[in-house]
Protein backbone atom coordinates (compact mmCIF):
# COMPACT_ATOMS: atom_id res chain seq x y z
CA MET A 1 88.25 168.41 -108.98
CA ALA A 2 91.42 167.11 -110.66
CA VAL A 3 93.74 164.79 -108.73
CA ILE A 4 97.02 166.58 -108.04
CA THR A 5 99.68 163.89 -108.28
CA ALA A 6 103.23 164.07 -106.97
CA LYS A 7 104.46 163.73 -110.56
CA LEU A 8 102.45 166.80 -111.64
CA VAL A 9 103.77 168.81 -108.69
CA ALA A 10 107.34 167.76 -109.52
CA GLU A 11 106.88 168.78 -113.16
CA LEU A 12 105.66 172.26 -112.17
CA ARG A 13 108.51 172.61 -109.67
CA ALA A 14 111.05 171.71 -112.37
CA LYS A 15 109.59 174.41 -114.64
CA THR A 16 109.41 177.18 -112.05
CA ASP A 17 111.81 176.49 -109.15
CA ALA A 18 108.90 177.33 -106.84
CA PRO A 19 108.59 175.60 -103.43
CA MET A 20 106.79 172.26 -103.50
CA MET A 21 103.81 173.44 -101.43
CA GLU A 22 103.39 176.55 -103.60
CA CYS A 23 103.32 174.30 -106.68
CA LYS A 24 100.67 172.11 -105.10
CA LYS A 25 98.55 175.12 -104.14
CA ALA A 26 98.81 176.58 -107.65
CA LEU A 27 97.84 173.28 -109.26
CA THR A 28 94.90 172.93 -106.90
CA GLU A 29 93.72 176.44 -107.74
CA ALA A 30 94.20 175.74 -111.46
CA ASP A 31 92.36 172.41 -111.15
CA GLY A 32 95.37 170.52 -112.46
CA ASP A 33 96.00 172.77 -115.49
CA LEU A 34 99.82 172.96 -115.67
CA ALA A 35 100.01 176.07 -117.88
CA LYS A 36 97.51 177.97 -115.73
CA ALA A 37 99.34 176.95 -112.55
CA GLU A 38 102.61 178.22 -114.01
CA GLU A 39 101.02 181.61 -114.73
CA LEU A 40 99.58 181.76 -111.20
CA LEU A 41 103.07 181.18 -109.79
CA ARG A 42 104.50 183.93 -111.99
CA VAL A 43 101.94 186.32 -110.54
CA LYS A 44 102.77 185.27 -106.99
CA LEU A 45 106.52 184.79 -107.23
CA GLY A 46 107.48 187.29 -109.94
CA THR A 47 109.99 186.67 -112.74
CA LYS A 48 111.72 183.76 -110.99
CA ALA A 49 109.16 181.32 -112.33
CA GLY A 50 109.39 182.73 -115.84
CA LYS A 51 113.18 182.42 -115.93
CA ALA A 52 113.15 178.80 -114.80
CA ALA A 53 110.37 177.97 -117.24
CA SER A 54 112.67 178.87 -120.14
CA ARG A 55 115.13 176.08 -119.36
CA VAL A 56 115.81 173.76 -122.24
CA THR A 57 115.70 170.01 -121.78
CA ALA A 58 116.10 168.44 -125.25
CA GLU A 59 119.57 167.53 -126.54
CA GLY A 60 121.49 168.13 -129.77
CA VAL A 61 123.57 170.86 -131.42
CA VAL A 62 123.30 174.07 -133.39
CA ALA A 63 125.61 174.39 -136.41
CA ALA A 64 126.33 177.30 -138.74
CA SER A 65 127.87 177.72 -142.16
CA ILE A 66 128.82 181.16 -143.47
CA ASN A 67 130.45 181.91 -146.83
CA GLY A 68 130.46 185.63 -147.58
CA ASN A 69 126.88 186.89 -147.67
CA VAL A 70 125.40 183.37 -147.88
CA GLY A 71 124.93 181.17 -144.86
CA ALA A 72 122.81 178.85 -142.77
CA LEU A 73 121.89 178.02 -139.20
CA ILE A 74 120.50 174.61 -138.27
CA GLU A 75 119.43 172.68 -135.17
CA VAL A 76 119.95 168.91 -135.14
CA ASN A 77 118.49 166.97 -132.21
CA SER A 78 119.49 163.78 -130.44
CA GLU A 79 118.00 161.86 -127.54
CA THR A 80 120.95 162.27 -125.15
CA ASP A 81 123.75 164.71 -124.45
CA PHE A 82 126.20 161.81 -124.88
CA VAL A 83 125.28 161.38 -128.55
CA SER A 84 125.33 165.15 -129.15
CA LYS A 85 129.11 164.93 -128.56
CA ASN A 86 129.58 161.98 -130.93
CA ASP A 87 131.97 162.77 -133.80
CA SER A 88 129.69 161.22 -136.43
CA PHE A 89 126.68 163.16 -135.15
CA LEU A 90 128.67 166.42 -135.16
CA ALA A 91 129.89 165.74 -138.70
CA LEU A 92 126.28 165.19 -139.79
CA ALA A 93 125.20 168.52 -138.27
CA ASP A 94 128.07 170.45 -139.89
CA ALA A 95 127.37 168.83 -143.25
CA ALA A 96 123.68 169.68 -143.00
CA ALA A 97 124.50 173.35 -142.31
CA LYS A 98 126.77 173.49 -145.38
CA LEU A 99 124.13 171.82 -147.56
CA VAL A 100 121.52 174.38 -146.49
CA ALA A 101 123.91 177.22 -147.33
CA GLU A 102 124.77 175.70 -150.71
CA HIS A 103 121.31 174.62 -151.87
CA ASN A 104 118.66 176.59 -149.93
CA PRO A 105 116.29 173.61 -149.59
CA ALA A 106 112.58 174.35 -149.21
CA ASP A 107 112.07 172.25 -146.10
CA ILE A 108 113.43 169.38 -143.97
CA GLU A 109 112.34 166.79 -146.53
CA ALA A 110 114.15 168.61 -149.34
CA LEU A 111 117.24 168.91 -147.16
CA GLY A 112 117.24 165.18 -146.52
CA ALA A 113 117.08 164.45 -150.26
CA LEU A 114 120.38 166.28 -150.97
CA ALA A 115 123.42 164.19 -151.95
CA TYR A 116 125.75 163.35 -149.06
CA GLU A 117 127.80 160.35 -147.91
CA GLN A 118 129.35 159.66 -144.50
CA ASP A 119 130.43 156.62 -142.47
CA THR A 120 129.72 154.32 -145.48
CA PHE A 121 126.10 155.59 -145.56
CA GLY A 122 124.43 157.48 -148.42
CA PRO A 123 123.75 158.58 -151.10
CA THR A 124 121.55 161.25 -149.45
CA LEU A 125 121.67 163.14 -146.17
CA GLU A 126 118.53 161.30 -145.04
CA ASP A 127 120.19 157.96 -145.77
CA VAL A 128 123.14 158.99 -143.62
CA ARG A 129 120.82 160.04 -140.81
CA LYS A 130 119.02 156.69 -140.88
CA GLY A 131 122.31 154.83 -141.08
CA LEU A 132 123.71 156.62 -138.04
CA ILE A 133 120.53 155.90 -136.10
CA GLY A 134 121.14 152.21 -136.66
CA LYS A 135 124.87 152.49 -135.93
CA ILE A 136 124.61 154.62 -132.78
CA GLY A 137 121.30 153.21 -131.58
CA GLU A 138 119.61 156.53 -130.89
CA ASN A 139 117.14 158.64 -132.80
CA MET A 140 118.28 161.94 -134.28
CA SER A 141 116.51 164.52 -136.42
CA PHE A 142 116.88 167.79 -138.30
CA ARG A 143 114.55 170.11 -136.43
CA ARG A 144 114.80 173.53 -138.11
CA PHE A 145 117.07 175.63 -140.28
CA LYS A 146 117.31 179.07 -141.85
CA TYR A 147 119.02 180.14 -145.05
CA PHE A 148 120.56 183.62 -145.37
CA SER A 149 121.63 185.60 -148.45
CA GLY A 150 121.98 189.16 -149.68
CA SER A 151 123.37 190.73 -146.51
CA ASN A 152 126.65 190.73 -144.64
CA LEU A 153 126.56 187.95 -142.07
CA ALA A 154 128.17 187.46 -138.68
CA SER A 155 127.75 184.28 -136.65
CA TYR A 156 128.48 183.13 -133.13
CA LEU A 157 128.22 179.68 -131.58
CA HIS A 158 128.29 179.38 -127.80
CA GLY A 159 129.58 175.85 -127.45
CA SER A 160 127.26 173.76 -129.58
CA ARG A 161 123.95 174.57 -127.89
CA ILE A 162 123.38 178.23 -128.81
CA GLY A 163 123.81 179.68 -132.29
CA VAL A 164 123.26 183.19 -133.67
CA VAL A 165 123.43 184.69 -137.16
CA VAL A 166 123.25 188.47 -137.54
CA GLU A 167 122.48 190.25 -140.82
CA PHE A 168 124.16 193.65 -140.92
CA GLU A 169 125.64 196.60 -142.78
CA GLY A 170 128.80 198.26 -141.47
CA ASP A 171 131.53 197.00 -139.17
CA ALA A 172 132.03 193.22 -139.01
CA ALA A 173 133.59 193.33 -135.52
CA ALA A 174 130.60 195.23 -134.12
CA ALA A 175 128.21 192.75 -135.76
CA LYS A 176 130.16 189.84 -134.24
CA ASP A 177 129.84 191.49 -130.83
CA VAL A 178 126.10 191.81 -131.36
CA ALA A 179 125.88 188.10 -132.21
CA MET A 180 127.65 187.31 -128.92
CA HIS A 181 125.31 189.69 -127.11
CA VAL A 182 122.23 187.99 -128.58
CA ALA A 183 123.52 184.58 -127.46
CA ALA A 184 123.97 185.91 -123.92
CA MET A 185 120.89 188.11 -123.50
CA LYS A 186 118.42 186.37 -125.85
CA PRO A 187 116.34 189.34 -127.07
CA VAL A 188 113.09 188.48 -128.84
CA ALA A 189 113.09 191.40 -131.29
CA LEU A 190 115.22 194.23 -132.67
CA SER A 191 113.17 197.01 -131.09
CA SER A 192 110.24 197.42 -128.71
CA ALA A 193 107.96 197.98 -131.69
CA ASP A 194 108.91 194.57 -133.08
CA VAL A 195 108.04 192.53 -129.97
CA PRO A 196 105.20 190.11 -130.88
CA ALA A 197 101.77 191.25 -129.66
CA GLU A 198 101.06 187.90 -128.00
CA LEU A 199 104.15 188.23 -125.79
CA ILE A 200 103.17 191.75 -124.77
CA GLU A 201 99.63 190.65 -123.96
CA LYS A 202 100.89 187.76 -121.85
CA GLU A 203 103.16 190.11 -119.91
CA ARG A 204 100.32 192.60 -119.48
CA THR A 205 98.05 189.86 -118.09
CA VAL A 206 100.64 188.85 -115.50
CA ALA A 207 101.41 192.48 -114.61
CA THR A 208 97.70 193.25 -114.20
CA ALA A 209 97.20 190.32 -111.85
CA LYS A 210 100.22 191.30 -109.76
CA ALA A 211 99.24 194.98 -109.60
CA ALA A 212 95.68 194.09 -108.58
CA GLU A 213 97.04 192.38 -105.48
CA SER A 214 98.55 195.67 -104.29
CA GLY A 215 95.15 197.01 -103.29
CA LYS A 216 95.99 200.44 -104.75
CA PRO A 217 93.47 202.67 -106.60
CA ALA A 218 92.60 201.76 -110.20
CA ASP A 219 94.54 204.68 -111.72
CA ILE A 220 97.69 203.70 -109.80
CA VAL A 221 97.24 200.05 -110.81
CA ALA A 222 96.98 201.11 -114.47
CA LYS A 223 100.25 203.03 -114.18
CA MET A 224 101.92 200.06 -112.47
CA VAL A 225 100.83 197.75 -115.28
CA GLU A 226 102.03 200.12 -117.99
CA GLY A 227 105.35 200.56 -116.18
CA SER A 228 105.83 196.80 -116.00
CA VAL A 229 105.07 196.36 -119.69
CA GLN A 230 107.47 199.14 -120.72
CA LYS A 231 110.18 197.63 -118.53
CA TYR A 232 109.59 194.25 -120.19
CA LEU A 233 109.82 195.76 -123.69
CA LYS A 234 113.20 197.32 -122.89
CA GLU A 235 114.48 194.06 -121.42
CA VAL A 236 113.62 191.92 -124.46
CA SER A 237 114.38 194.27 -127.37
CA LEU A 238 117.95 194.18 -128.71
CA TYR A 239 118.43 197.92 -129.22
CA ASN A 240 117.32 198.79 -125.67
CA GLN A 241 119.40 196.16 -123.88
CA VAL A 242 122.61 197.21 -122.16
CA PHE A 243 125.48 195.99 -124.35
CA VAL A 244 127.20 193.06 -122.62
CA LYS A 245 130.66 194.53 -123.31
CA ALA A 246 129.75 198.10 -122.32
CA ALA A 247 132.70 199.56 -120.40
CA ASP A 248 130.44 201.84 -118.39
CA GLY A 249 127.74 199.22 -117.82
CA LYS A 250 125.17 201.61 -119.31
CA GLN A 251 125.73 201.83 -123.07
CA THR A 252 122.88 200.23 -125.00
CA VAL A 253 123.32 198.08 -128.09
CA GLU A 254 121.72 200.86 -130.15
CA GLN A 255 124.28 203.36 -128.87
CA MET A 256 127.18 200.99 -129.56
CA LEU A 257 125.97 200.38 -133.12
CA LYS A 258 125.58 204.11 -133.77
CA ALA A 259 129.16 204.72 -132.62
CA ALA A 260 130.36 201.91 -134.90
CA ASN A 261 128.25 203.20 -137.83
CA THR A 262 126.65 199.77 -138.12
CA THR A 263 123.07 198.71 -138.81
CA ILE A 264 121.56 195.38 -137.75
CA LYS A 265 118.97 194.26 -140.28
CA GLY A 266 117.95 191.13 -138.39
CA PHE A 267 119.11 188.28 -136.18
CA THR A 268 118.27 184.62 -135.72
CA LEU A 269 118.82 182.81 -132.42
CA TYR A 270 118.62 179.04 -131.98
CA VAL A 271 118.84 177.39 -128.57
CA VAL A 272 118.98 173.60 -128.59
CA GLY A 273 115.67 172.08 -127.58
CA GLU A 274 113.88 175.41 -127.15
CA GLY A 275 110.17 174.69 -126.94
CA ILE A 276 110.64 170.93 -126.81
CA GLU A 277 109.53 169.07 -123.70
CA LYS A 278 111.80 166.17 -122.91
CA LYS A 279 110.23 163.07 -121.39
CA VAL A 280 110.96 162.87 -117.67
CA ASP A 281 110.92 159.34 -116.35
CA ASP A 282 109.44 158.74 -112.89
CA PHE A 283 112.31 156.68 -111.49
CA ALA A 284 110.62 155.98 -108.15
CA ALA A 285 107.48 154.71 -109.85
CA GLU A 286 109.56 152.57 -112.21
CA VAL A 287 111.43 150.95 -109.30
CA ALA A 288 108.17 150.36 -107.41
CA ALA A 289 106.67 148.70 -110.49
CA GLN A 290 109.69 146.44 -110.88
CA VAL A 291 109.56 145.45 -107.18
CA ALA A 292 105.83 144.70 -107.46
CA ALA A 293 106.41 142.62 -110.56
CA ALA A 294 109.17 140.66 -108.82
CA LYS A 295 106.91 139.94 -105.84
CA ALA A 296 104.09 138.83 -108.11
CA GLY A 297 106.40 136.42 -109.89
CA ALA A 298 107.84 134.98 -106.67
């Protein structure tokens, strides 16, 4: 039997917003497996746990560069939110986005090798990054980027933490609205048919566990599961989502695009730190250790 520590309980609570005792019970049932405990809480508490689990903790910015039908989207990370607002760091991110759009580098290493000078550092982008690390005193990195060409492009940045590029044919204003919609609603695919199979299977597993607790006959449980999955597919596919600017509160994105005679060929969404787990320091434990060390040295 795994030891369920207060730190482990706190970590699960931060991910799910579930009550402390519920977190402890789930961890006990999962024998200390954090991922399994999170899924158990989703079954018990519904979507609340899933929504909280998507919170982003890492810092940095998303930058975009669009020039006609060529463009780029990039995520550049820093250790703290303070540095993510630093003028030199922001200049580095903007420059990196432009370099991606201009040169279409194969990977992060190739991006870093491109010529660039800033703040007396250079002659490459990587040299500038290393120089700023020494100057600012905090690590920073180019995490991911995407190059776009061949289609009309519309972009939207929500502050500096969420960035979207939409590839489209048709009306530019409608495409810009879609980019804003994607930033707000965060769909995972264009249509229900495009939702990744692993996401559907995960949702089906949770729905099955929840439906089984109802005690209803097997045929009813099967219908409940299928209903939950279909509801999920509509919620996460762009075309089926209710358009955020719909005057009637009912018009879907697909309906809006049809009215605007516009086709969305694809979209890319970057959220700063998505999928990155930020180190959480145990402040109480740190203080206790310092006190113990002081007593030992007395």
